[in-house]
Each structure stands twice: as C-alpha cells, then as structure tokens.
Amino acid sequence: MFDKSLDNKRYHTLNYYYKTKFKKKVSKISLNGNFSCPNFKNNQGCIFCSLSGSGDFAGDKNKNLKEQFDNIKTKMDKKWPNALYIAYFQANTNTYAPLDILKEKYEQVIKFPNVMGLNIATRSDAISQEVLDYLTDLNKRTFLTVELGLQSMHDRTLKFINRGHDLNNFEQMVKKLKKRNINVVVHIINGLPYETKNDMIQTAKYLNSLKIDGIKIHMLYILKNTKLEQIYNTQKFHVLNKDEYIDIVCEQLRYLNKNIVIHRITGDPKKEDLVAPSWLLKKFCVLNDIDKEMVKRNIYQGDKVDLN
C-alpha cells in the first residue's frame, strides 16, 4: 500500500493531500476572471490552445465571480455539504493584468464562504516583481498555489509549440516562488509533436530536481480550429495511443518524489471540439488502466528517484 493515497493508488493523490492537510473534503471551483494571455496577444498563442485559452471548464466570463462561484458551489453542496473550497482562476493567464485588478479579483474570492485557498494558473513570463511581492503577502493570508504551464523542458519543443518563453525563464520563476514559500504546481503535456518517450521522462526528472509541490500531467489532444490541427493535417505527426501514454506516465511517476502531489494524470477534452485522440474521451478508463499497469509492474511513485 502506497502511504500517500486513500484510494489504493500508487501515487500521491490530491484527495489524500487535501484530506490529510485540512481534515475535510476540499473541492476546487474553477473561475473565469476574463483575463487575456500575453502569448496570444504577441505570438498568436501556443499552437494547441483553443480560443477559450485553457478555460473550457472554467466559469462563464459573462457572469461576475460571485455568480460563477455560487452556481458551482450550489451543485457541490448537494454532494459535500460541509466542504472547504479553493477558488481556481483557470482560464488564460491569471496574473496578466494591472496589480489593482488582480487585487480586486483575488481579495474578493478569498472572502467567499468556506474558501480557504486560491489557485492561480499563469505563465512564468507573466509575473512581474510587484505581482510577486503581492503573491508573497497573499500567501500569508490564504492557502495559495501558483500553477505554471511548462509543457516540456526541451527548448526545441517550446519553440515548436510557440510557447513564448524558454526553459530558463520558467526555472527562474519557480525558484523565485519557492524562495517565498509559495506552492508551485507545474503543467506538462505528453505526446507533443516529435518528442520521444525519453524526452518526456527527462521532463519529469527535471521537475523533480526543482522540488516542485505538484504536477498536472496532460495528454496532448488536438482541437478543432487550432494551429495544431493545421499542423496535424499536413505533417501527420504521431499521436500517442492509450498504451503508449500509460507506459510513459507510469515511468514518469517513478522519477517523481513521492511528496510531489499528482493533481491530474490525463487530459479532459470536450467531445465536440476534439480531433484526436478519441481514446481520451474515456477518462476513467485511462485512470483505471494506469492503476492496473502500476500494479502489474509492481511500481510506485518515486521508486526510481534515487536513480536520477
């Protein structure tokens, strides 16, 4: 039995982390602060991004934050009436705005009922010094997590996907946040065009060396009306099948310290927007198959850390 799971998983689950830390059920409520993205403005965005800017499952930007929060909370209260909540600014780049606007939005939501934390999804090149100073103060008053998109440690890939920053920019921001004791969760994508299995495993090893607090592992999926769809239609690059993805995730987990929380372990596309791969639509099958494969191999998160 892995000691950081309540669900017979062999990796450090988010459910375990929240329940052991806060002694109650904790749920995230995804909000849309109607932010934009500097990369979309300057470089037409990452090639895989939809027009919603990674906010497909965030709240409705046409409603104010209180309305968004209450709509989701009402549904969650039916299942978990005494839960605590983390307000999650998910869509686009949620530090890309003047400081007074950030303060207005953040300070509002941390006062909502039963909100004990704040998750902010952003980019390493979109946190100014004054925002960093504010986050340092905010971290003293709420349970703050900053989520940074990296996708890959390989600069050639970052350039190919039009990421808009390099690895060094990302690494320096992680170090600045960690120096201020701010929790850092990093997003990576498996199956980016022309990356090998070893490339993806190297990304996991690299992040382990930065002593991040959590990770979200996604599978690349191709959405309609994106630059990635155009590239896929012309270059026909290889898209990972389910077995390949499961194999890579299992190996990545082995190189991540068991204290790193696994916030997500697969992608979650909308069916109507998806071009490929179709197997991602069966999310729970993917999750279950990862569990089965880890049992079959008798492996656990972190069991190869000493081999880095």
C-alpha atoms as a PDB file:
ATOM      1  CA  MET A   1       0.000   0.000   0.000  1.00  0.00           C
ATOM      2  CA  PHE A   2       1.367   3.401  -1.010  1.00  0.00           C
ATOM      3  CA  ASP A   3       1.325   5.659   2.039  1.00  0.00           C
ATOM      4  CA  LYS A   4       0.058   8.819   0.293  1.00  0.00           C
ATOM      5  CA  SER A   5      -3.226   7.565  -1.094  1.00  0.00           C
ATOM      6  CA  LEU A   6      -6.635   6.808   0.374  1.00  0.00           C
ATOM      7  CA  ASP A   7      -7.829   5.104  -2.815  1.00  0.00           C
ATOM      8  CA  ASN A   8      -5.375   2.229  -3.371  1.00  0.00           C
ATOM      9  CA  LYS A   9      -3.455   4.363  -5.855  1.00  0.00           C
ATOM     10  CA  ARG A  10       0.288   4.003  -6.180  1.00  0.00           C
ATOM     11  CA  TYR A  11       0.901   7.707  -6.471  1.00  0.00           C
ATOM     12  CA  HIS A  12       0.371  10.760  -4.244  1.00  0.00           C
ATOM     13  CA  THR A  13      -3.245  11.717  -4.833  1.00  0.00           C
ATOM     14  CA  LEU A  14      -4.709  15.181  -4.475  1.00  0.00           C
ATOM     15  CA  ASN A  15      -7.549  13.731  -2.399  1.00  0.00           C
ATOM     16  CA  TYR A  16      -5.036  12.346   0.113  1.00  0.00           C
ATOM     17  CA  TYR A  17      -3.127  15.616   0.235  1.00  0.00           C
ATOM     18  CA  TYR A  18      -6.173  17.766   0.949  1.00  0.00           C
ATOM     19  CA  LYS A  19      -7.792  15.409   3.441  1.00  0.00           C
ATOM     20  CA  THR A  20      -4.635  14.934   5.479  1.00  0.00           C
ATOM     21  CA  LYS A  21      -3.789  18.650   5.429  1.00  0.00           C
ATOM     22  CA  PHE A  22      -7.237  20.120   6.075  1.00  0.00           C
ATOM     23  CA  LYS A  23      -9.088  17.148   7.646  1.00  0.00           C
ATOM     24  CA  LYS A  24     -12.110  17.813   5.423  1.00  0.00           C
ATOM     25  CA  LYS A  25     -13.266  17.416   1.874  1.00  0.00           C
ATOM     26  CA  VAL A  26     -11.735  20.133  -0.317  1.00  0.00           C
ATOM     27  CA  SER A  27     -13.064  20.994  -3.765  1.00  0.00           C
ATOM     28  CA  LYS A  28     -11.875  23.422  -6.416  1.00  0.00           C
ATOM     29  CA  ILE A  29     -14.253  25.862  -8.029  1.00  0.00           C
ATOM     30  CA  SER A  30     -12.991  26.950 -11.447  1.00  0.00           C
ATOM     31  CA  LEU A  31     -13.495  30.613 -12.204  1.00  0.00           C
ATOM     32  CA  ASN A  32     -13.012  32.760 -15.276  1.00  0.00           C
ATOM     33  CA  GLY A  33     -11.565  36.153 -14.373  1.00  0.00           C
ATOM     34  CA  ASN A  34     -11.790  37.299 -18.005  1.00  0.00           C
ATOM     35  CA  PHE A  35      -8.021  37.637 -18.288  1.00  0.00           C
ATOM     36  CA  SER A  36      -6.157  37.503 -21.575  1.00  0.00           C
ATOM     37  CA  CYS A  37      -2.792  35.962 -22.463  1.00  0.00           C
ATOM     38  CA  PRO A  38       0.423  37.788 -23.405  1.00  0.00           C
ATOM     39  CA  ASN A  39       1.463  34.963 -25.710  1.00  0.00           C
ATOM     40  CA  PHE A  40      -1.805  35.042 -27.630  1.00  0.00           C
ATOM     41  CA  LYS A  41      -1.519  38.807 -27.961  1.00  0.00           C
ATOM     42  CA  ASN A  42       2.118  38.798 -29.070  1.00  0.00           C
ATOM     43  CA  ASN A  43       2.666  35.445 -30.789  1.00  0.00           C
ATOM     44  CA  GLN A  44      -0.823  34.123 -31.665  1.00  0.00           C
ATOM     45  CA  GLY A  45      -0.685  31.745 -28.704  1.00  0.00           C
ATOM     46  CA  CYS A  46       0.510  28.190 -28.172  1.00  0.00           C
ATOM     47  CA  ILE A  47      -0.354  26.006 -31.146  1.00  0.00           C
ATOM     48  CA  PHE A  48      -2.644  23.727 -29.096  1.00  0.00           C
ATOM     49  CA  CYS A  49      -4.689  26.474 -27.408  1.00  0.00           C
ATOM     50  CA  SER A  50      -8.362  26.946 -28.161  1.00  0.00           C
ATOM     51  CA  LEU A  51      -9.981  30.371 -28.215  1.00  0.00           C
ATOM     52  CA  SER A  52     -11.056  29.833 -24.615  1.00  0.00           C
ATOM     53  CA  GLY A  53      -7.391  29.808 -23.593  1.00  0.00           C
ATOM     54  CA  SER A  54      -7.398  26.627 -21.474  1.00  0.00           C
ATOM     55  CA  GLY A  55     -10.623  27.701 -19.856  1.00  0.00           C
ATOM     56  CA  ASP A  56     -13.003  25.173 -21.391  1.00  0.00           C
ATOM     57  CA  PHE A  57     -14.176  24.072 -17.950  1.00  0.00           C
ATOM     58  CA  ALA A  58     -13.870  27.386 -16.125  1.00  0.00           C
ATOM     59  CA  GLY A  59     -16.814  29.601 -15.206  1.00  0.00           C
ATOM     60  CA  ASP A  60     -18.778  31.848 -17.525  1.00  0.00           C
ATOM     61  CA  LYS A  61     -16.802  35.051 -18.048  1.00  0.00           C
ATOM     62  CA  ASN A  62     -20.064  36.899 -18.726  1.00  0.00           C
ATOM     63  CA  LYS A  63     -21.050  36.405 -15.084  1.00  0.00           C
ATOM     64  CA  ASN A  64     -19.349  38.062 -12.153  1.00  0.00           C
ATOM     65  CA  LEU A  65     -17.099  35.989  -9.899  1.00  0.00           C
ATOM     66  CA  LYS A  66     -19.708  35.649  -7.141  1.00  0.00           C
ATOM     67  CA  GLU A  67     -22.300  34.308  -9.582  1.00  0.00           C
ATOM     68  CA  GLN A  68     -19.784  31.855 -11.052  1.00  0.00           C
ATOM     69  CA  PHE A  69     -18.758  30.681  -7.607  1.00  0.00           C
ATOM     70  CA  ASP A  70     -22.309  30.302  -6.268  1.00  0.00           C
ATOM     71  CA  ASN A  71     -23.508  28.376  -9.330  1.00  0.00           C
ATOM     72  CA  ILE A  72     -20.833  25.715  -8.909  1.00  0.00           C
ATOM     73  CA  LYS A  73     -20.927  25.701  -5.109  1.00  0.00           C
ATOM     74  CA  THR A  74     -24.690  25.046  -5.112  1.00  0.00           C
ATOM     75  CA  LYS A  75     -24.134  21.852  -7.088  1.00  0.00           C
ATOM     76  CA  MET A  76     -21.187  20.740  -4.950  1.00  0.00           C
ATOM     77  CA  ASP A  77     -23.030  21.393  -1.682  1.00  0.00           C
ATOM     78  CA  LYS A  78     -25.527  18.673  -2.585  1.00  0.00           C
ATOM     79  CA  LYS A  79     -22.745  16.115  -2.586  1.00  0.00           C
ATOM     80  CA  TRP A  80     -20.385  17.606   0.006  1.00  0.00           C
ATOM     81  CA  PRO A  81     -22.435  19.962   2.226  1.00  0.00           C
ATOM     82  CA  ASN A  82     -19.573  20.767   4.608  1.00  0.00           C
ATOM     83  CA  ALA A  83     -16.698  21.022   2.145  1.00  0.00           C
ATOM     84  CA  LEU A  84     -13.980  23.624   2.016  1.00  0.00           C
ATOM     85  CA  TYR A  85     -13.281  25.342  -1.289  1.00  0.00           C
ATOM     86  CA  ILE A  86     -10.340  26.529  -3.328  1.00  0.00           C
ATOM     87  CA  ALA A  87     -11.099  29.277  -5.817  1.00  0.00           C
ATOM     88  CA  TYR A  88      -9.287  28.373  -9.025  1.00  0.00           C
ATOM     89  CA  PHE A  89      -8.568  31.043 -11.624  1.00  0.00           C
ATOM     90  CA  GLN A  90      -8.154  28.718 -14.583  1.00  0.00           C
ATOM     91  CA  ALA A  91      -8.764  30.389 -17.936  1.00  0.00           C
ATOM     92  CA  ASN A  92      -5.909  32.143 -19.750  1.00  0.00           C
ATOM     93  CA  THR A  93      -3.080  33.876 -17.831  1.00  0.00           C
ATOM     94  CA  ASN A  94      -4.350  34.939 -14.434  1.00  0.00           C
ATOM     95  CA  THR A  95      -1.548  37.317 -13.467  1.00  0.00           C
ATOM     96  CA  TYR A  96      -1.621  39.189 -16.776  1.00  0.00           C
ATOM     97  CA  ALA A  97      -3.334  42.375 -15.607  1.00  0.00           C
ATOM     98  CA  PRO A  98      -2.530  45.522 -13.637  1.00  0.00           C
ATOM     99  CA  LEU A  99      -1.952  44.856  -9.954  1.00  0.00           C
ATOM    100  CA  ASP A 100      -5.066  46.716  -8.812  1.00  0.00           C
ATOM    101  CA  ILE A 101      -7.246  44.465 -10.972  1.00  0.00           C
ATOM    102  CA  LEU A 102      -5.577  41.334  -9.626  1.00  0.00           C
ATOM    103  CA  LYS A 103      -6.085  42.532  -6.063  1.00  0.00           C
ATOM    104  CA  GLU A 104      -9.740  43.315  -6.685  1.00  0.00           C
ATOM    105  CA  LYS A 105     -10.433  39.838  -8.025  1.00  0.00           C
ATOM    106  CA  TYR A 106      -8.270  37.804  -5.637  1.00  0.00           C
ATOM    107  CA  GLU A 107      -9.284  39.642  -2.472  1.00  0.00           C
ATOM    108  CA  GLN A 108     -12.940  39.241  -3.398  1.00  0.00           C
ATOM    109  CA  VAL A 109     -12.876  35.482  -3.823  1.00  0.00           C
ATOM    110  CA  ILE A 110     -10.837  34.613  -0.721  1.00  0.00           C
ATOM    111  CA  LYS A 111     -13.687  36.136   1.300  1.00  0.00           C
ATOM    112  CA  PHE A 112     -16.333  33.850  -0.216  1.00  0.00           C
ATOM    113  CA  PRO A 113     -17.916  31.340   2.221  1.00  0.00           C
ATOM    114  CA  ASN A 114     -15.731  28.340   3.091  1.00  0.00           C
ATOM    115  CA  VAL A 115     -12.937  29.409   0.709  1.00  0.00           C
ATOM    116  CA  MET A 116      -9.633  28.519   2.326  1.00  0.00           C
ATOM    117  CA  GLY A 117      -7.356  28.702  -0.680  1.00  0.00           C
ATOM    118  CA  LEU A 118      -6.604  30.206  -4.050  1.00  0.00           C
ATOM    119  CA  ASN A 119      -5.108  28.554  -7.146  1.00  0.00           C
ATOM    120  CA  ILE A 120      -3.783  30.840  -9.863  1.00  0.00           C
ATOM    121  CA  ALA A 121      -2.939  29.410 -13.294  1.00  0.00           C
ATOM    122  CA  THR A 122      -0.404  31.535 -15.133  1.00  0.00           C
ATOM    123  CA  ARG A 123       2.839  31.660 -17.120  1.00  0.00           C
ATOM    124  CA  SER A 124       6.394  32.063 -15.915  1.00  0.00           C
ATOM    125  CA  ASP A 125       6.844  35.145 -18.108  1.00  0.00           C
ATOM    126  CA  ALA A 126       3.733  36.905 -16.785  1.00  0.00           C
ATOM    127  CA  ILE A 127       4.569  37.507 -13.116  1.00  0.00           C
ATOM    128  CA  SER A 128       6.085  40.939 -12.544  1.00  0.00           C
ATOM    129  CA  GLN A 129       8.095  41.851  -9.453  1.00  0.00           C
ATOM    130  CA  GLU A 130       5.190  43.809  -7.971  1.00  0.00           C
ATOM    131  CA  VAL A 131       2.841  40.871  -8.557  1.00  0.00           C
ATOM    132  CA  LEU A 132       5.388  38.531  -6.996  1.00  0.00           C
ATOM    133  CA  ASP A 133       5.551  40.777  -3.924  1.00  0.00           C
ATOM    134  CA  TYR A 134       1.756  40.776  -3.705  1.00  0.00           C
ATOM    135  CA  LEU A 135       1.594  36.994  -4.029  1.00  0.00           C
ATOM    136  CA  THR A 136       4.111  36.740  -1.198  1.00  0.00           C
ATOM    137  CA  ASP A 137       1.747  38.738   1.030  1.00  0.00           C
ATOM    138  CA  LEU A 138      -1.306  36.834  -0.182  1.00  0.00           C
ATOM    139  CA  ASN A 139       0.400  33.555   0.663  1.00  0.00           C
ATOM    140  CA  LYS A 140       0.433  34.602   4.317  1.00  0.00           C
ATOM    141  CA  ARG A 141      -3.341  35.065   4.336  1.00  0.00           C
ATOM    142  CA  THR A 142      -4.650  32.120   2.338  1.00  0.00           C
ATOM    143  CA  PHE A 143      -3.541  28.735   1.046  1.00  0.00           C
ATOM    144  CA  LEU A 144      -2.004  29.898  -2.217  1.00  0.00           C
ATOM    145  CA  THR A 145      -0.891  27.770  -5.145  1.00  0.00           C
ATOM    146  CA  VAL A 146       0.590  29.127  -8.356  1.00  0.00           C
ATOM    147  CA  GLU A 147       0.207  26.836 -11.368  1.00  0.00           C
ATOM    148  CA  LEU A 148       2.774  27.310 -14.115  1.00  0.00           C
ATOM    149  CA  GLY A 149       2.492  25.863 -17.589  1.00  0.00           C
ATOM    150  CA  LEU A 150       5.756  24.407 -18.851  1.00  0.00           C
ATOM    151  CA  GLN A 151       4.602  21.544 -21.122  1.00  0.00           C
ATOM    152  CA  SER A 152       8.160  20.349 -21.883  1.00  0.00           C
ATOM    153  CA  MET A 153      11.676  21.002 -20.609  1.00  0.00           C
ATOM    154  CA  HIS A 154      13.053  20.943 -24.147  1.00  0.00           C
ATOM    155  CA  ASP A 155      13.570  24.373 -25.710  1.00  0.00           C
ATOM    156  CA  ARG A 156      13.241  22.962 -29.221  1.00  0.00           C
ATOM    157  CA  THR A 157       9.726  21.795 -28.299  1.00  0.00           C
ATOM    158  CA  LEU A 158       8.842  25.061 -26.596  1.00  0.00           C
ATOM    159  CA  LYS A 159       9.815  26.858 -29.793  1.00  0.00           C
ATOM    160  CA  PHE A 160       7.837  24.423 -31.967  1.00  0.00           C
ATOM    161  CA  ILE A 161       4.663  24.861 -29.916  1.00  0.00           C
ATOM    162  CA  ASN A 162       5.134  28.647 -29.897  1.00  0.00           C
ATOM    163  CA  ARG A 163       5.282  28.725 -26.117  1.00  0.00           C
ATOM    164  CA  GLY A 164       6.732  32.228 -25.973  1.00  0.00           C
ATOM    165  CA  HIS A 165       9.332  31.593 -23.263  1.00  0.00           C
ATOM    166  CA  ASP A 166      12.262  29.257 -22.746  1.00  0.00           C
ATOM    167  CA  LEU A 167      13.211  26.815 -20.007  1.00  0.00           C
ATOM    168  CA  ASN A 168      15.454  29.272 -18.196  1.00  0.00           C
ATOM    169  CA  ASN A 169      12.603  31.768 -17.813  1.00  0.00           C
ATOM    170  CA  PHE A 170      10.440  29.031 -16.289  1.00  0.00           C
ATOM    171  CA  GLU A 171      13.158  27.786 -13.946  1.00  0.00           C
ATOM    172  CA  GLN A 172      13.966  31.233 -12.603  1.00  0.00           C
ATOM    173  CA  MET A 173      10.305  31.888 -11.789  1.00  0.00           C
ATOM    174  CA  VAL A 174       9.944  28.543  -9.994  1.00  0.00           C
ATOM    175  CA  LYS A 175      12.954  29.433  -7.859  1.00  0.00           C
ATOM    176  CA  LYS A 176      11.539  32.869  -7.051  1.00  0.00           C
ATOM    177  CA  LEU A 177       8.205  31.407  -5.982  1.00  0.00           C
ATOM    178  CA  LYS A 178       9.773  28.624  -3.932  1.00  0.00           C
ATOM    179  CA  LYS A 179      12.077  31.125  -2.218  1.00  0.00           C
ATOM    180  CA  ARG A 180       8.898  32.839  -0.990  1.00  0.00           C
ATOM    181  CA  ASN A 181       7.403  29.524   0.199  1.00  0.00           C
ATOM    182  CA  ILE A 182       4.640  29.651  -2.411  1.00  0.00           C
ATOM    183  CA  ASN A 183       3.310  26.276  -3.563  1.00  0.00           C
ATOM    184  CA  VAL A 184       4.128  25.574  -7.202  1.00  0.00           C
ATOM    185  CA  VAL A 185       2.219  23.152  -9.436  1.00  0.00           C
ATOM    186  CA  VAL A 186       3.540  22.579 -12.956  1.00  0.00           C
ATOM    187  CA  HIS A 187       1.626  21.503 -16.069  1.00  0.00           C
ATOM    188  CA  ILE A 188       3.281  19.213 -18.613  1.00  0.00           C
ATOM    189  CA  ILE A 189       1.981  17.641 -21.805  1.00  0.00           C
ATOM    190  CA  ASN A 190       2.879  14.182 -23.052  1.00  0.00           C
ATOM    191  CA  GLY A 191       2.802  13.465 -26.773  1.00  0.00           C
ATOM    192  CA  LEU A 192       3.961  16.837 -28.043  1.00  0.00           C
ATOM    193  CA  PRO A 193       4.983  16.556 -31.715  1.00  0.00           C
ATOM    194  CA  TYR A 194       8.272  14.772 -32.331  1.00  0.00           C
ATOM    195  CA  GLU A 195       9.115  14.165 -28.676  1.00  0.00           C
ATOM    196  CA  THR A 196      10.315  10.693 -27.702  1.00  0.00           C
ATOM    197  CA  LYS A 197       9.442   8.700 -24.615  1.00  0.00           C
ATOM    198  CA  ASN A 198      12.844   9.591 -23.214  1.00  0.00           C
ATOM    199  CA  ASP A 199      12.192  13.303 -23.831  1.00  0.00           C
ATOM    200  CA  MET A 200       9.033  13.102 -21.735  1.00  0.00           C
ATOM    201  CA  ILE A 201      10.704  11.164 -18.942  1.00  0.00           C
ATOM    202  CA  GLN A 202      13.509  13.726 -18.890  1.00  0.00           C
ATOM    203  CA  THR A 203      10.915  16.454 -18.293  1.00  0.00           C
ATOM    204  CA  ALA A 204       9.656  14.583 -15.220  1.00  0.00           C
ATOM    205  CA  LYS A 205      13.195  14.075 -13.921  1.00  0.00           C
ATOM    206  CA  TYR A 206      13.947  17.756 -14.417  1.00  0.00           C
ATOM    207  CA  LEU A 207      10.869  18.875 -12.490  1.00  0.00           C
ATOM    208  CA  ASN A 208      11.715  16.513  -9.669  1.00  0.00           C
ATOM    209  CA  SER A 209      15.067  18.277  -9.334  1.00  0.00           C
ATOM    210  CA  LEU A 210      13.273  21.641  -8.862  1.00  0.00           C
ATOM    211  CA  LYS A 211      11.396  20.305  -5.822  1.00  0.00           C
ATOM    212  CA  ILE A 212       8.013  21.434  -7.070  1.00  0.00           C
ATOM    213  CA  ASP A 213       4.945  20.782  -4.914  1.00  0.00           C
ATOM    214  CA  GLY A 214       2.625  19.294  -7.503  1.00  0.00           C
ATOM    215  CA  ILE A 215       2.218  18.346 -11.126  1.00  0.00           C
ATOM    216  CA  LYS A 216      -0.540  18.091 -13.700  1.00  0.00           C
ATOM    217  CA  ILE A 217       0.176  15.565 -16.437  1.00  0.00           C
ATOM    218  CA  HIS A 218      -1.827  16.031 -19.620  1.00  0.00           C
ATOM    219  CA  MET A 219      -2.044  14.110 -22.869  1.00  0.00           C
ATOM    220  CA  LEU A 220      -1.761  16.237 -25.996  1.00  0.00           C
ATOM    221  CA  TYR A 221      -5.089  16.469 -27.728  1.00  0.00           C
ATOM    222  CA  ILE A 222      -5.816  18.190 -30.988  1.00  0.00           C
ATOM    223  CA  LEU A 223      -8.716  20.607 -31.018  1.00  0.00           C
ATOM    224  CA  LYS A 224     -10.625  21.986 -33.960  1.00  0.00           C
ATOM    225  CA  ASN A 225      -9.695  25.431 -35.250  1.00  0.00           C
ATOM    226  CA  THR A 226      -6.220  25.475 -33.717  1.00  0.00           C
ATOM    227  CA  LYS A 227      -2.795  25.854 -35.280  1.00  0.00           C
ATOM    228  CA  LEU A 228      -2.052  22.347 -34.028  1.00  0.00           C
ATOM    229  CA  GLU A 229      -4.915  20.963 -36.119  1.00  0.00           C
ATOM    230  CA  GLN A 230      -3.431  22.577 -39.217  1.00  0.00           C
ATOM    231  CA  ILE A 231      -0.002  21.083 -38.474  1.00  0.00           C
ATOM    232  CA  TYR A 232      -1.528  17.661 -37.792  1.00  0.00           C
ATOM    233  CA  ASN A 233      -3.418  17.695 -41.079  1.00  0.00           C
ATOM    234  CA  THR A 234      -0.270  18.493 -43.060  1.00  0.00           C
ATOM    235  CA  GLN A 235       2.514  16.705 -41.147  1.00  0.00           C
ATOM    236  CA  LYS A 236       0.555  13.764 -39.694  1.00  0.00           C
ATOM    237  CA  PHE A 237       2.863  13.562 -36.671  1.00  0.00           C
ATOM    238  CA  HIS A 238       2.436  10.576 -34.366  1.00  0.00           C
ATOM    239  CA  VAL A 239      -0.226  10.897 -31.658  1.00  0.00           C
ATOM    240  CA  LEU A 240       0.286   8.617 -28.679  1.00  0.00           C
ATOM    241  CA  ASN A 241      -2.106   5.708 -28.362  1.00  0.00           C
ATOM    242  CA  LYS A 242      -3.512   4.839 -24.955  1.00  0.00           C
ATOM    243  CA  ASP A 243      -0.985   2.113 -24.181  1.00  0.00           C
ATOM    244  CA  GLU A 244       1.931   4.400 -25.054  1.00  0.00           C
ATOM    245  CA  TYR A 245       0.561   7.156 -22.864  1.00  0.00           C
ATOM    246  CA  ILE A 246       0.015   4.842 -19.902  1.00  0.00           C
ATOM    247  CA  ASP A 247       3.528   3.448 -20.256  1.00  0.00           C
ATOM    248  CA  ILE A 248       5.061   6.945 -20.266  1.00  0.00           C
ATOM    249  CA  VAL A 249       3.008   8.195 -17.299  1.00  0.00           C
ATOM    250  CA  CYS A 250       3.933   5.150 -15.230  1.00  0.00           C
ATOM    251  CA  GLU A 251       7.615   5.757 -15.880  1.00  0.00           C
ATOM    252  CA  GLN A 252       7.343   9.492 -15.198  1.00  0.00           C
ATOM    253  CA  LEU A 253       5.736   8.824 -11.828  1.00  0.00           C
ATOM    254  CA  ARG A 254       8.637   6.612 -10.833  1.00  0.00           C
ATOM    255  CA  TYR A 255      11.023   9.564 -11.214  1.00  0.00           C
ATOM    256  CA  LEU A 256       8.886  11.973  -9.159  1.00  0.00           C
ATOM    257  CA  ASN A 257       9.493  12.222  -5.421  1.00  0.00           C
ATOM    258  CA  LYS A 258       6.542  10.779  -3.534  1.00  0.00           C
ATOM    259  CA  ASN A 259       5.956  14.144  -1.824  1.00  0.00           C
ATOM    260  CA  ILE A 260       5.009  15.711  -5.173  1.00  0.00           C
ATOM    261  CA  VAL A 261       1.206  15.749  -5.384  1.00  0.00           C
ATOM    262  CA  ILE A 262      -0.320  14.406  -8.603  1.00  0.00           C
ATOM    263  CA  HIS A 263      -3.104  16.904  -9.320  1.00  0.00           C
ATOM    264  CA  ARG A 264      -4.021  15.479 -12.715  1.00  0.00           C
ATOM    265  CA  ILE A 265      -2.894  12.485 -14.723  1.00  0.00           C
ATOM    266  CA  THR A 266      -4.754  12.742 -18.026  1.00  0.00           C
ATOM    267  CA  GLY A 267      -6.396  15.274 -20.336  1.00  0.00           C
ATOM    268  CA  ASP A 268     -10.070  16.184 -20.412  1.00  0.00           C
ATOM    269  CA  PRO A 269     -11.191  17.489 -23.832  1.00  0.00           C
ATOM    270  CA  LYS A 270     -14.680  18.416 -24.935  1.00  0.00           C
ATOM    271  CA  LYS A 271     -16.039  15.809 -27.347  1.00  0.00           C
ATOM    272  CA  GLU A 272     -17.455  18.351 -29.781  1.00  0.00           C
ATOM    273  CA  ASP A 273     -14.081  20.085 -30.167  1.00  0.00           C
ATOM    274  CA  LEU A 274     -11.823  17.030 -30.307  1.00  0.00           C
ATOM    275  CA  VAL A 275      -9.994  15.940 -33.450  1.00  0.00           C
ATOM    276  CA  ALA A 276      -7.727  13.309 -31.847  1.00  0.00           C
ATOM    277  CA  PRO A 277      -7.123  11.073 -29.952  1.00  0.00           C
ATOM    278  CA  SER A 278     -10.627   9.728 -29.322  1.00  0.00           C
ATOM    279  CA  TRP A 279      -9.498   7.387 -26.511  1.00  0.00           C
ATOM    280  CA  LEU A 280      -9.078  10.407 -24.227  1.00  0.00           C
ATOM    281  CA  LEU A 281     -12.848  10.753 -24.011  1.00  0.00           C
ATOM    282  CA  LYS A 282     -12.914   7.691 -21.751  1.00  0.00           C
ATOM    283  CA  LYS A 283     -11.143   9.461 -18.900  1.00  0.00           C
ATOM    284  CA  PHE A 284     -11.921   6.967 -16.166  1.00  0.00           C
ATOM    285  CA  CYS A 285     -10.787   4.058 -18.317  1.00  0.00           C
ATOM    286  CA  VAL A 286      -7.418   5.777 -18.693  1.00  0.00           C
ATOM    287  CA  LEU A 287      -7.172   6.379 -14.943  1.00  0.00           C
ATOM    288  CA  ASN A 288      -8.097   2.782 -14.162  1.00  0.00           C
ATOM    289  CA  ASP A 289      -5.649   1.416 -16.707  1.00  0.00           C
ATOM    290  CA  ILE A 290      -2.821   3.454 -15.184  1.00  0.00           C
ATOM    291  CA  ASP A 291      -3.661   1.926 -11.801  1.00  0.00           C
ATOM    292  CA  LYS A 292      -3.740  -1.579 -13.272  1.00  0.00           C
ATOM    293  CA  GLU A 293      -0.436  -1.123 -15.058  1.00  0.00           C
ATOM    294  CA  MET A 294       1.294   0.080 -11.904  1.00  0.00           C
ATOM    295  CA  VAL A 295       0.019  -2.962 -10.041  1.00  0.00           C
ATOM    296  CA  LYS A 296       1.061  -5.255 -12.884  1.00  0.00           C
ATOM    297  CA  ARG A 297       4.601  -3.841 -12.855  1.00  0.00           C
ATOM    298  CA  ASN A 298       4.621  -3.551  -9.058  1.00  0.00           C
ATOM    299  CA  ILE A 299       5.834   0.051  -9.243  1.00  0.00           C
ATOM    300  CA  TYR A 300       5.171   3.203  -7.214  1.00  0.00           C
ATOM    301  CA  GLN A 301       5.655   6.933  -7.486  1.00  0.00           C
ATOM    302  CA  GLY A 302       9.225   7.771  -6.579  1.00  0.00           C
ATOM    303  CA  ASP A 303      10.671   4.275  -6.680  1.00  0.00           C
ATOM    304  CA  LYS A 304      13.344   5.416  -9.173  1.00  0.00           C
ATOM    305  CA  VAL A 305      14.153   8.789  -7.604  1.00  0.00           C
ATOM    306  CA  ASP A 306      17.486   7.607  -6.247  1.00  0.00           C
ATOM    307  CA  LEU A 307      18.465   6.618  -9.783  1.00  0.00           C
ATOM    308  CA  ASN A 308      18.196  10.185 -11.144  1.00  0.00           C
END
